[in-house]
Amino acid sequence: PELFEDSEKEIDQFIEKSESFKPLKKLRLKVQIDYNEETADIDV
């Protein structure tokens, strides 16, 4: 426990969030592509 004293609160939060994990069922993909003379600027 001494190795994790500083991280114990974060670990507890991670465990709490993990236990409430639900898989994605509906998602949205957004892609924006800006012109560039060499390689397009891509935002996903």
All heavy atoms as atom14 arrays in JSON, in Angstrom:
{
  "sequence": "PELFEDSEKEIDQFIEKSESFKPLKKLRLKVQIDYNEETADIDV",
  "atom14_mask": [
    [1, 1, 1, 1, 1, 1, 1, 0, 0, 0, 0, 0, 0, 0],
    [1, 1, 1, 1, 1, 1, 1, 1, 1, 0, 0, 0, 0, 0],
    [1, 1, 1, 1, 1, 1, 1, 1, 0, 0, 0, 0, 0, 0],
    [1, 1, 1, 1, 1, 1, 1, 1, 1, 1, 1, 0, 0, 0],
    [1, 1, 1, 1, 1, 1, 1, 1, 1, 0, 0, 0, 0, 0],
    [1, 1, 1, 1, 1, 1, 1, 1, 0, 0, 0, 0, 0, 0],
    [1, 1, 1, 1, 1, 1, 0, 0, 0, 0, 0, 0, 0, 0],
    [1, 1, 1, 1, 1, 1, 1, 1, 1, 0, 0, 0, 0, 0],
    [1, 1, 1, 1, 1, 1, 1, 1, 1, 0, 0, 0, 0, 0],
    [1, 1, 1, 1, 1, 1, 1, 1, 1, 0, 0, 0, 0, 0],
    [1, 1, 1, 1, 1, 1, 1, 1, 0, 0, 0, 0, 0, 0],
    [1, 1, 1, 1, 1, 1, 1, 1, 0, 0, 0, 0, 0, 0],
    [1, 1, 1, 1, 1, 1, 1, 1, 1, 0, 0, 0, 0, 0],
    [1, 1, 1, 1, 1, 1, 1, 1, 1, 1, 1, 0, 0, 0],
    [1, 1, 1, 1, 1, 1, 1, 1, 0, 0, 0, 0, 0, 0],
    [1, 1, 1, 1, 1, 1, 1, 1, 1, 0, 0, 0, 0, 0],
    [1, 1, 1, 1, 1, 1, 1, 1, 1, 0, 0, 0, 0, 0],
    [1, 1, 1, 1, 1, 1, 0, 0, 0, 0, 0, 0, 0, 0],
    [1, 1, 1, 1, 1, 1, 1, 1, 1, 0, 0, 0, 0, 0],
    [1, 1, 1, 1, 1, 1, 0, 0, 0, 0, 0, 0, 0, 0],
    [1, 1, 1, 1, 1, 1, 1, 1, 1, 1, 1, 0, 0, 0],
    [1, 1, 1, 1, 1, 1, 1, 1, 1, 0, 0, 0, 0, 0],
    [1, 1, 1, 1, 1, 1, 1, 0, 0, 0, 0, 0, 0, 0],
    [1, 1, 1, 1, 1, 1, 1, 1, 0, 0, 0, 0, 0, 0],
    [1, 1, 1, 1, 1, 1, 1, 1, 1, 0, 0, 0, 0, 0],
    [1, 1, 1, 1, 1, 1, 1, 1, 1, 0, 0, 0, 0, 0],
    [1, 1, 1, 1, 1, 1, 1, 1, 0, 0, 0, 0, 0, 0],
    [1, 1, 1, 1, 1, 1, 1, 1, 1, 1, 1, 0, 0, 0],
    [1, 1, 1, 1, 1, 1, 1, 1, 0, 0, 0, 0, 0, 0],
    [1, 1, 1, 1, 1, 1, 1, 1, 1, 0, 0, 0, 0, 0],
    [1, 1, 1, 1, 1, 1, 1, 0, 0, 0, 0, 0, 0, 0],
    [1, 1, 1, 1, 1, 1, 1, 1, 1, 0, 0, 0, 0, 0],
    [1, 1, 1, 1, 1, 1, 1, 1, 0, 0, 0, 0, 0, 0],
    [1, 1, 1, 1, 1, 1, 1, 1, 0, 0, 0, 0, 0, 0],
    [1, 1, 1, 1, 1, 1, 1, 1, 1, 1, 1, 1, 0, 0],
    [1, 1, 1, 1, 1, 1, 1, 1, 0, 0, 0, 0, 0, 0],
    [1, 1, 1, 1, 1, 1, 1, 1, 1, 0, 0, 0, 0, 0],
    [1, 1, 1, 1, 1, 1, 1, 1, 1, 0, 0, 0, 0, 0],
    [1, 1, 1, 1, 1, 1, 1, 0, 0, 0, 0, 0, 0, 0],
    [1, 1, 1, 1, 1, 0, 0, 0, 0, 0, 0, 0, 0, 0],
    [1, 1, 1, 1, 1, 1, 1, 1, 0, 0, 0, 0, 0, 0],
    [1, 1, 1, 1, 1, 1, 1, 1, 0, 0, 0, 0, 0, 0],
    [1, 1, 1, 1, 1, 1, 1, 1, 0, 0, 0, 0, 0, 0],
    [1, 1, 1, 1, 1, 1, 1, 0, 0, 0, 0, 0, 0, 0]
  ],
  "atom14_positions": [
    [[0.81, -1.23, 0.0], [0.0, 0.0, 0.0], [0.84, 1.28, 0.0], [0.41, 2.3, -0.53], [-0.84, -0.12, 1.27], [-0.15, -1.12, 2.12], [0.59, -2.04, 1.19], [0.0, 0.0, 0.0], [0.0, 0.0, 0.0], [0.0, 0.0, 0.0], [0.0, 0.0, 0.0], [0.0, 0.0, 0.0], [0.0, 0.0, 0.0], [0.0, 0.0, 0.0]],
    [[2.05, 1.22, 0.53], [2.89, 2.43, 0.58], [3.32, 2.9, -0.81], [3.56, 4.08, -1.03], [4.12, 2.21, 1.46], [5.14, 1.19, 0.95], [4.76, -0.27, 1.18], [3.79, -0.54, 1.9], [5.46, -1.13, 0.65], [0.0, 0.0, 0.0], [0.0, 0.0, 0.0], [0.0, 0.0, 0.0], [0.0, 0.0, 0.0], [0.0, 0.0, 0.0]],
    [[3.4, 1.98, -1.77], [3.76, 2.36, -3.13], [2.67, 3.16, -3.82], [2.93, 3.92, -4.75], [4.06, 1.11, -3.97], [5.28, 0.29, -3.58], [5.37, -0.97, -4.43], [6.55, 1.11, -3.73], [0.0, 0.0, 0.0], [0.0, 0.0, 0.0], [0.0, 0.0, 0.0], [0.0, 0.0, 0.0], [0.0, 0.0, 0.0], [0.0, 0.0, 0.0]],
    [[1.45, 2.98, -3.36], [0.31, 3.58, -4.04], [-0.37, 4.67, -3.24], [-1.46, 5.1, -3.59], [-0.72, 2.49, -4.4], [-0.18, 1.44, -5.33], [0.27, 0.23, -4.84], [-0.12, 1.67, -6.69], [0.76, -0.74, -5.69], [0.37, 0.71, -7.54], [0.82, -0.5, -7.05], [0.0, 0.0, 0.0], [0.0, 0.0, 0.0], [0.0, 0.0, 0.0]],
    [[0.25, 5.14, -2.16], [-0.38, 6.14, -1.3], [-0.83, 7.37, -2.08], [-1.94, 7.85, -1.9], [0.57, 6.56, -0.17], [0.62, 5.56, 0.96], [1.61, 5.98, 2.03], [2.02, 7.15, 2.06], [1.95, 5.12, 2.86], [0.0, 0.0, 0.0], [0.0, 0.0, 0.0], [0.0, 0.0, 0.0], [0.0, 0.0, 0.0], [0.0, 0.0, 0.0]],
    [[0.05, 7.88, -2.95], [-0.29, 9.09, -3.71], [-1.36, 8.82, -4.77], [-2.1, 9.72, -5.16], [0.97, 9.65, -4.39], [2.01, 10.09, -3.37], [1.63, 10.4, -2.23], [3.19, 10.12, -3.74], [0.0, 0.0, 0.0], [0.0, 0.0, 0.0], [0.0, 0.0, 0.0], [0.0, 0.0, 0.0], [0.0, 0.0, 0.0], [0.0, 0.0, 0.0]],
    [[-1.44, 7.59, -5.23], [-2.36, 7.26, -6.32], [-3.62, 6.55, -5.86], [-4.48, 6.24, -6.68], [-1.65, 6.34, -7.32], [-0.43, 6.88, -7.72], [0.0, 0.0, 0.0], [0.0, 0.0, 0.0], [0.0, 0.0, 0.0], [0.0, 0.0, 0.0], [0.0, 0.0, 0.0], [0.0, 0.0, 0.0], [0.0, 0.0, 0.0], [0.0, 0.0, 0.0]],
    [[-3.75, 6.31, -4.58], [-4.86, 5.49, -4.1], [-6.23, 6.07, -4.47], [-7.12, 5.34, -4.91], [-4.77, 5.33, -2.58], [-5.71, 4.28, -2.05], [-5.43, 3.93, -0.6], [-4.42, 4.41, -0.04], [-6.23, 3.19, -0.05], [0.0, 0.0, 0.0], [0.0, 0.0, 0.0], [0.0, 0.0, 0.0], [0.0, 0.0, 0.0], [0.0, 0.0, 0.0]],
    [[-6.38, 7.38, -4.37], [-7.66, 8.01, -4.72], [-7.96, 7.83, -6.2], [-9.08, 7.49, -6.59], [-7.62, 9.49, -4.36], [-8.94, 10.19, -4.45], [-8.82, 11.61, -3.95], [-10.17, 12.27, -3.87], [-10.09, 13.63, -3.35], [0.0, 0.0, 0.0], [0.0, 0.0, 0.0], [0.0, 0.0, 0.0], [0.0, 0.0, 0.0], [0.0, 0.0, 0.0]],
    [[-6.95, 8.03, -7.06], [-7.14, 7.84, -8.5], [-7.47, 6.39, -8.84], [-8.3, 6.13, -9.7], [-5.87, 8.26, -9.25], [-5.62, 9.75, -9.23], [-4.3, 10.11, -9.91], [-3.94, 9.43, -10.89], [-3.67, 11.07, -9.45], [0.0, 0.0, 0.0], [0.0, 0.0, 0.0], [0.0, 0.0, 0.0], [0.0, 0.0, 0.0], [0.0, 0.0, 0.0]],
    [[-6.81, 5.46, -8.15], [-7.08, 4.04, -8.39], [-8.51, 3.7, -7.99], [-9.22, 2.99, -8.71], [-6.05, 3.15, -7.65], [-4.66, 3.33, -8.29], [-6.48, 1.69, -7.66], [-3.53, 2.74, -7.52], [0.0, 0.0, 0.0], [0.0, 0.0, 0.0], [0.0, 0.0, 0.0], [0.0, 0.0, 0.0], [0.0, 0.0, 0.0], [0.0, 0.0, 0.0]],
    [[-8.95, 4.21, -6.84], [-10.32, 3.97, -6.41], [-11.32, 4.53, -7.42], [-12.34, 3.89, -7.72], [-10.58, 4.59, -5.03], [-9.91, 3.81, -3.91], [-9.6, 2.61, -4.11], [-9.69, 4.4, -2.83], [0.0, 0.0, 0.0], [0.0, 0.0, 0.0], [0.0, 0.0, 0.0], [0.0, 0.0, 0.0], [0.0, 0.0, 0.0], [0.0, 0.0, 0.0]],
    [[-11.04, 5.71, -7.97], [-11.93, 6.31, -8.98], [-11.94, 5.46, -10.25], [-12.99, 5.26, -10.86], [-11.49, 7.74, -9.31], [-11.79, 8.72, -8.21], [-11.21, 10.1, -8.5], [-10.37, 10.26, -9.39], [-11.63, 11.09, -7.73], [0.0, 0.0, 0.0], [0.0, 0.0, 0.0], [0.0, 0.0, 0.0], [0.0, 0.0, 0.0], [0.0, 0.0, 0.0]],
    [[-10.77, 4.97, -10.63], [-10.69, 4.1, -11.81], [-11.52, 2.84, -11.61], [-12.27, 2.43, -12.5], [-9.23, 3.71, -12.11], [-9.11, 2.66, -13.18], [-9.26, 3.0, -14.51], [-8.85, 1.34, -12.84], [-9.16, 2.03, -15.5], [-8.76, 0.37, -13.83], [-8.9, 0.72, -15.15], [0.0, 0.0, 0.0], [0.0, 0.0, 0.0], [0.0, 0.0, 0.0]],
    [[-11.4, 2.23, -10.45], [-12.16, 1.01, -10.16], [-13.66, 1.31, -10.21], [-14.43, 0.56, -10.81], [-11.76, 0.43, -8.79], [-10.33, -0.14, -8.87], [-12.74, -0.64, -8.33], [-9.74, -0.52, -7.54], [0.0, 0.0, 0.0], [0.0, 0.0, 0.0], [0.0, 0.0, 0.0], [0.0, 0.0, 0.0], [0.0, 0.0, 0.0], [0.0, 0.0, 0.0]],
    [[-14.05, 2.42, -9.62], [-15.47, 2.8, -9.62], [-15.99, 3.01, -11.05], [-17.05, 2.53, -11.42], [-15.65, 4.08, -8.8], [-17.09, 4.45, -8.56], [-17.19, 5.69, -7.68], [-16.57, 5.7, -6.59], [-17.88, 6.63, -8.1], [0.0, 0.0, 0.0], [0.0, 0.0, 0.0], [0.0, 0.0, 0.0], [0.0, 0.0, 0.0], [0.0, 0.0, 0.0]],
    [[-15.21, 3.72, -11.87], [-15.62, 3.95, -13.26], [-15.64, 2.64, -14.04], [-16.53, 2.42, -14.87], [-14.67, 4.93, -13.94], [-14.87, 6.36, -13.49], [-13.91, 7.28, -14.21], [-14.04, 8.7, -13.71], [-13.05, 9.58, -14.33], [0.0, 0.0, 0.0], [0.0, 0.0, 0.0], [0.0, 0.0, 0.0], [0.0, 0.0, 0.0], [0.0, 0.0, 0.0]],
    [[-14.67, 1.76, -13.82], [-14.6, 0.5, -14.55], [-15.79, -0.39, -14.24], [-16.3, -1.07, -15.12], [-13.31, -0.25, -14.19], [-12.2, 0.49, -14.58], [0.0, 0.0, 0.0], [0.0, 0.0, 0.0], [0.0, 0.0, 0.0], [0.0, 0.0, 0.0], [0.0, 0.0, 0.0], [0.0, 0.0, 0.0], [0.0, 0.0, 0.0], [0.0, 0.0, 0.0]],
    [[-16.24, -0.37, -13.0], [-17.38, -1.2, -12.62], [-18.67, -0.72, -13.28], [-19.61, -1.49, -13.42], [-17.52, -1.26, -11.1], [-16.4, -2.08, -10.47], [-16.42, -2.07, -8.96], [-17.03, -1.16, -8.36], [-15.83, -2.99, -8.37], [0.0, 0.0, 0.0], [0.0, 0.0, 0.0], [0.0, 0.0, 0.0], [0.0, 0.0, 0.0], [0.0, 0.0, 0.0]],
    [[-18.71, 0.54, -13.68], [-19.91, 1.05, -14.33], [-19.76, 1.1, -15.85], [-20.56, 1.71, -16.53], [-20.24, 2.46, -13.8], [-19.22, 3.36, -14.2], [0.0, 0.0, 0.0], [0.0, 0.0, 0.0], [0.0, 0.0, 0.0], [0.0, 0.0, 0.0], [0.0, 0.0, 0.0], [0.0, 0.0, 0.0], [0.0, 0.0, 0.0], [0.0, 0.0, 0.0]],
    [[-18.75, 0.42, -16.37], [-18.49, 0.41, -17.81], [-19.66, -0.18, -18.58], [-20.21, -1.21, -18.22], [-17.22, -0.41, -18.1], [-16.99, -0.63, -19.57], [-16.43, 0.36, -20.35], [-17.35, -1.82, -20.17], [-16.22, 0.17, -21.7], [-17.14, -2.03, -21.52], [-16.58, -1.03, -22.28], [0.0, 0.0, 0.0], [0.0, 0.0, 0.0], [0.0, 0.0, 0.0]],
    [[-20.04, 0.5, -19.64], [-21.07, 0.0, -20.55], [-20.53, 0.15, -21.97], [-20.0, 1.19, -22.33], [-22.35, 0.81, -20.39], [-23.03, 0.57, -19.06], [-24.29, 1.4, -18.93], [-24.98, 1.19, -17.63], [-24.21, 1.41, -16.46], [0.0, 0.0, 0.0], [0.0, 0.0, 0.0], [0.0, 0.0, 0.0], [0.0, 0.0, 0.0], [0.0, 0.0, 0.0]],
    [[-20.67, -0.88, -22.77], [-20.14, -0.8, -24.14], [-20.93, 0.2, -24.98], [-22.09, 0.47, -24.72], [-20.31, -2.21, -24.68], [-21.39, -2.81, -23.84], [-21.3, -2.16, -22.49], [0.0, 0.0, 0.0], [0.0, 0.0, 0.0], [0.0, 0.0, 0.0], [0.0, 0.0, 0.0], [0.0, 0.0, 0.0], [0.0, 0.0, 0.0], [0.0, 0.0, 0.0]],
    [[-20.27, 0.74, -25.97], [-20.92, 1.67, -26.9], [-21.92, 0.93, -27.76], [-21.65, -0.17, -28.22], [-19.88, 2.32, -27.81], [-18.8, 3.16, -27.17], [-17.83, 3.64, -28.24], [-19.39, 4.34, -26.44], [0.0, 0.0, 0.0], [0.0, 0.0, 0.0], [0.0, 0.0, 0.0], [0.0, 0.0, 0.0], [0.0, 0.0, 0.0], [0.0, 0.0, 0.0]],
    [[-23.07, 1.55, -27.96], [-24.07, 0.96, -28.85], [-24.34, 1.87, -30.04], [-24.6, 1.41, -31.13], [-25.36, 0.69, -28.1], [-25.2, -0.42, -27.07], [-26.49, -0.78, -26.42], [-26.23, -1.89, -25.41], [-27.42, -2.26, -24.69], [0.0, 0.0, 0.0], [0.0, 0.0, 0.0], [0.0, 0.0, 0.0], [0.0, 0.0, 0.0], [0.0, 0.0, 0.0]],
    [[-24.28, 3.18, -29.81], [-24.48, 4.15, -30.9], [-23.33, 5.14, -30.83], [-23.03, 5.68, -29.77], [-25.8, 4.91, -30.72], [-27.03, 4.08, -30.98], [-28.28, 4.9, -30.78], [-28.9, 5.21, -32.1], [-30.11, 6.02, -31.99], [0.0, 0.0, 0.0], [0.0, 0.0, 0.0], [0.0, 0.0, 0.0], [0.0, 0.0, 0.0], [0.0, 0.0, 0.0]],
    [[-22.68, 5.35, -31.94], [-21.6, 6.32, -31.94], [-21.62, 7.14, -33.22], [-22.24, 6.77, -34.21], [-20.24, 5.65, -31.73], [-19.8, 4.57, -32.7], [-18.82, 5.16, -33.68], [-19.14, 3.47, -31.93], [0.0, 0.0, 0.0], [0.0, 0.0, 0.0], [0.0, 0.0, 0.0], [0.0, 0.0, 0.0], [0.0, 0.0, 0.0], [0.0, 0.0, 0.0]],
    [[-20.94, 8.28, -33.15], [-20.87, 9.19, -34.29], [-19.41, 9.41, -34.65], [-18.6, 9.77, -33.81], [-21.53, 10.52, -33.93], [-21.41, 11.57, -35.04], [-22.26, 12.78, -34.75], [-23.67, 12.4, -34.9], [-24.65, 12.94, -34.2], [-24.41, 13.87, -33.31], [-25.89, 12.56, -34.4], [0.0, 0.0, 0.0], [0.0, 0.0, 0.0], [0.0, 0.0, 0.0]],
    [[-19.12, 9.18, -35.92], [-17.79, 9.45, -36.46], [-17.86, 10.76, -37.21], [-18.71, 10.93, -38.07], [-17.39, 8.32, -37.41], [-16.18, 8.55, -38.31], [-14.91, 8.69, -37.48], [-16.04, 7.44, -39.33], [0.0, 0.0, 0.0], [0.0, 0.0, 0.0], [0.0, 0.0, 0.0], [0.0, 0.0, 0.0], [0.0, 0.0, 0.0], [0.0, 0.0, 0.0]],
    [[-16.98, 11.7, -36.85], [-16.91, 12.98, -37.56], [-15.51, 13.15, -38.12], [-14.53, 12.98, -37.41], [-17.19, 14.15, -36.61], [-18.6, 14.27, -36.15], [-18.77, 15.51, -35.29], [-20.17, 15.69, -34.81], [-20.32, 16.88, -33.97], [0.0, 0.0, 0.0], [0.0, 0.0, 0.0], [0.0, 0.0, 0.0], [0.0, 0.0, 0.0], [0.0, 0.0, 0.0]],
    [[-15.45, 13.48, -39.38], [-14.17, 13.7, -40.04], [-14.2, 15.07, -40.71], [-15.17, 15.41, -41.38], [-13.9, 12.61, -41.11], [-12.61, 12.9, -41.86], [-13.86, 11.24, -40.48], [0.0, 0.0, 0.0], [0.0, 0.0, 0.0], [0.0, 0.0, 0.0], [0.0, 0.0, 0.0], [0.0, 0.0, 0.0], [0.0, 0.0, 0.0], [0.0, 0.0, 0.0]],
    [[-13.16, 15.84, -40.47], [-13.01, 17.13, -41.14], [-11.63, 17.14, -41.79], [-10.63, 16.86, -41.14], [-13.14, 18.28, -40.16], [-12.98, 19.64, -40.83], [-13.24, 20.79, -39.89], [-14.21, 20.78, -39.17], [-12.36, 21.77, -39.9], [0.0, 0.0, 0.0], [0.0, 0.0, 0.0], [0.0, 0.0, 0.0], [0.0, 0.0, 0.0], [0.0, 0.0, 0.0]],
    [[-11.61, 17.47, -43.07], [-10.35, 17.47, -43.82], [-10.15, 18.85, -44.42], [-10.96, 19.32, -45.21], [-10.37, 16.4, -44.93], [-10.7, 15.03, -44.33], [-9.04, 16.38, -45.66], [-11.01, 13.98, -45.35], [0.0, 0.0, 0.0], [0.0, 0.0, 0.0], [0.0, 0.0, 0.0], [0.0, 0.0, 0.0], [0.0, 0.0, 0.0], [0.0, 0.0, 0.0]],
    [[-9.08, 19.5, -44.02], [-8.72, 20.81, -44.57], [-7.67, 20.62, -45.65], [-6.79, 19.76, -45.55], [-8.16, 21.72, -43.46], [-9.22, 22.14, -42.47], [-10.22, 22.73, -42.91], [-9.07, 21.87, -41.27], [0.0, 0.0, 0.0], [0.0, 0.0, 0.0], [0.0, 0.0, 0.0], [0.0, 0.0, 0.0], [0.0, 0.0, 0.0], [0.0, 0.0, 0.0]],
    [[-7.73, 21.45, -46.64], [-6.78, 21.38, -47.76], [-5.39, 21.8, -47.29], [-5.22, 22.71, -46.49], [-7.22, 22.29, -48.9], [-6.26, 22.27, -50.07], [-6.27, 21.2, -50.96], [-5.35, 23.29, -50.25], [-5.38, 21.16, -52.02], [-4.47, 23.27, -51.32], [-4.49, 22.19, -52.2], [-3.6, 22.16, -53.24], [0.0, 0.0, 0.0], [0.0, 0.0, 0.0]],
    [[-4.41, 21.11, -47.82], [-3.02, 21.46, -47.61], [-2.28, 21.01, -48.88], [-2.6, 19.97, -49.43], [-2.45, 20.73, -46.37], [-1.1, 21.24, -45.97], [-0.23, 21.45, -46.81], [-0.91, 21.42, -44.69], [0.0, 0.0, 0.0], [0.0, 0.0, 0.0], [0.0, 0.0, 0.0], [0.0, 0.0, 0.0], [0.0, 0.0, 0.0], [0.0, 0.0, 0.0]],
    [[-1.33, 21.79, -49.33], [-0.63, 21.47, -50.58], [0.16, 20.17, -50.51], [0.46, 19.57, -51.53], [0.27, 22.63, -50.99], [-0.52, 23.83, -51.45], [0.38, 24.99, -51.87], [1.61, 24.84, -51.84], [-0.17, 26.04, -52.21], [0.0, 0.0, 0.0], [0.0, 0.0, 0.0], [0.0, 0.0, 0.0], [0.0, 0.0, 0.0], [0.0, 0.0, 0.0]],
    [[0.52, 19.74, -49.29], [1.3, 18.51, -49.16], [0.47, 17.37, -48.6], [0.14, 16.44, -49.3], [2.53, 18.78, -48.28], [3.49, 19.77, -48.92], [4.61, 20.18, -47.99], [4.78, 19.53, -46.95], [5.3, 21.14, -48.31], [0.0, 0.0, 0.0], [0.0, 0.0, 0.0], [0.0, 0.0, 0.0], [0.0, 0.0, 0.0], [0.0, 0.0, 0.0]],
    [[0.15, 17.43, -47.32], [-0.65, 16.39, -46.67], [-1.87, 17.04, -46.05], [-1.74, 18.03, -45.34], [0.18, 15.68, -45.57], [1.36, 15.14, -46.18], [-0.6, 14.57, -44.94], [0.0, 0.0, 0.0], [0.0, 0.0, 0.0], [0.0, 0.0, 0.0], [0.0, 0.0, 0.0], [0.0, 0.0, 0.0], [0.0, 0.0, 0.0], [0.0, 0.0, 0.0]],
    [[-3.04, 16.49, -46.3], [-4.28, 17.06, -45.78], [-4.27, 17.1, -44.26], [-3.71, 16.22, -43.6], [-5.47, 16.24, -46.27], [0.0, 0.0, 0.0], [0.0, 0.0, 0.0], [0.0, 0.0, 0.0], [0.0, 0.0, 0.0], [0.0, 0.0, 0.0], [0.0, 0.0, 0.0], [0.0, 0.0, 0.0], [0.0, 0.0, 0.0], [0.0, 0.0, 0.0]],
    [[-4.88, 18.14, -43.7], [-5.04, 18.25, -42.25], [-6.33, 17.52, -41.88], [-7.41, 17.91, -42.32], [-5.11, 19.72, -41.83], [-3.83, 20.47, -42.15], [-2.76, 19.84, -42.18], [-3.91, 21.69, -42.36], [0.0, 0.0, 0.0], [0.0, 0.0, 0.0], [0.0, 0.0, 0.0], [0.0, 0.0, 0.0], [0.0, 0.0, 0.0], [0.0, 0.0, 0.0]],
    [[-6.19, 16.47, -41.08], [-7.33, 15.6, -40.76], [-7.68, 15.74, -39.28], [-6.81, 15.66, -38.42], [-7.0, 14.13, -41.07], [-6.63, 13.99, -42.55], [-8.17, 13.23, -40.71], [-6.06, 12.64, -42.9], [0.0, 0.0, 0.0], [0.0, 0.0, 0.0], [0.0, 0.0, 0.0], [0.0, 0.0, 0.0], [0.0, 0.0, 0.0], [0.0, 0.0, 0.0]],
    [[-8.96, 15.92, -39.01], [-9.48, 16.0, -37.65], [-10.57, 14.95, -37.54], [-11.55, 14.98, -38.29], [-10.04, 17.41, -37.41], [-10.6, 17.61, -36.02], [-10.54, 16.67, -35.21], [-11.11, 18.7, -35.75], [0.0, 0.0, 0.0], [0.0, 0.0, 0.0], [0.0, 0.0, 0.0], [0.0, 0.0, 0.0], [0.0, 0.0, 0.0], [0.0, 0.0, 0.0]],
    [[-10.4, 13.98, -36.64], [-11.36, 12.9, -36.48], [-11.86, 12.89, -35.04], [-11.07, 13.03, -34.11], [-10.72, 11.52, -36.8], [-11.69, 10.38, -36.53], [-10.24, 11.47, -38.23], [0.0, 0.0, 0.0], [0.0, 0.0, 0.0], [0.0, 0.0, 0.0], [0.0, 0.0, 0.0], [0.0, 0.0, 0.0], [0.0, 0.0, 0.0], [0.0, 0.0, 0.0]]
  ]
}
